[in-house]
Amino acid sequence: MGNNKEILNVSKATIGRLPAYHRYLTEKLAQGEKTVSSTAIAEDLHLNAVQVRKDLAVISSVAGKPKLGFELSELIADIDRFLGYDNVTDAVLVGAGGLGSALVGYEGFKNYGLNIVAAFDTDPSLIGTSVGGVKVFDAKELSKLVRRLNVLIGIVAVPRGAAQQVADELVEGGVRAIWNFAPVHLTLPENIAVKNEDMAASLAILSKRLAEILNSEK
């Protein structure tokens, strides 16, 4: 991953925008573009131009050139370095059902430095099979195999009732970061990084925004 001290000095809001910048810049490069201005980035991503310049100044080793803007390849490399995309990190997934299989099948993770090397489940019909090219192991082997694989990231995609136990077993196996898709708060040691994907909260925000739009149209 990127330099820890570097990341600690950058706001969460800025870090949260970097993947969008990376995706946008990569698309521009694929289209044959060589440079891009911060103004163009801001307009296309519906962001404030001043904020874009501040974000890029924090993570980029090169300044945008007047009239020409940023060299795309150099700016992408800077974001790769900062976020650790240039250093692929192995991860395991627990819960190979509907959501889990969709996550395993998402090839875009590798573009962001994440490589799912194994999946785990309790369903006998899934154990021993492959999902998205990733083998599914018995969840009983979770801690032992995670430690053997020396994996530091665990993805939890199990029902809420099983999430805490799964998280505990991941930590026991040596995992240091957990990406939690289960709709439950996990109680973990302070030295374990956790990112919760709260779909209910996201839906609530979307519903509120939809209501505001509909009310404004009346």
Foldseek 3Di string as FASTA:
>chain_A
DADPVLVVVDDPVLVVCLVVVLVVLVVCVVVVDFADALVVVCVVVVHDSVVSQVSQVSQAPDAADPPGGGGSVRSNVSSCRHQVLVAAAEEEEEDCPDVNLVVLQPPCVNSRRYDYAAYEYCDPVQAQHDRNNHHYHHLVCQLVVLLVVVHAEYEYDDEQVCRQVSVVSNVSSPHQEYEYAYQDDHDDDPRHHYHYDHVVVVVVVVVVVVVVVVVVVD
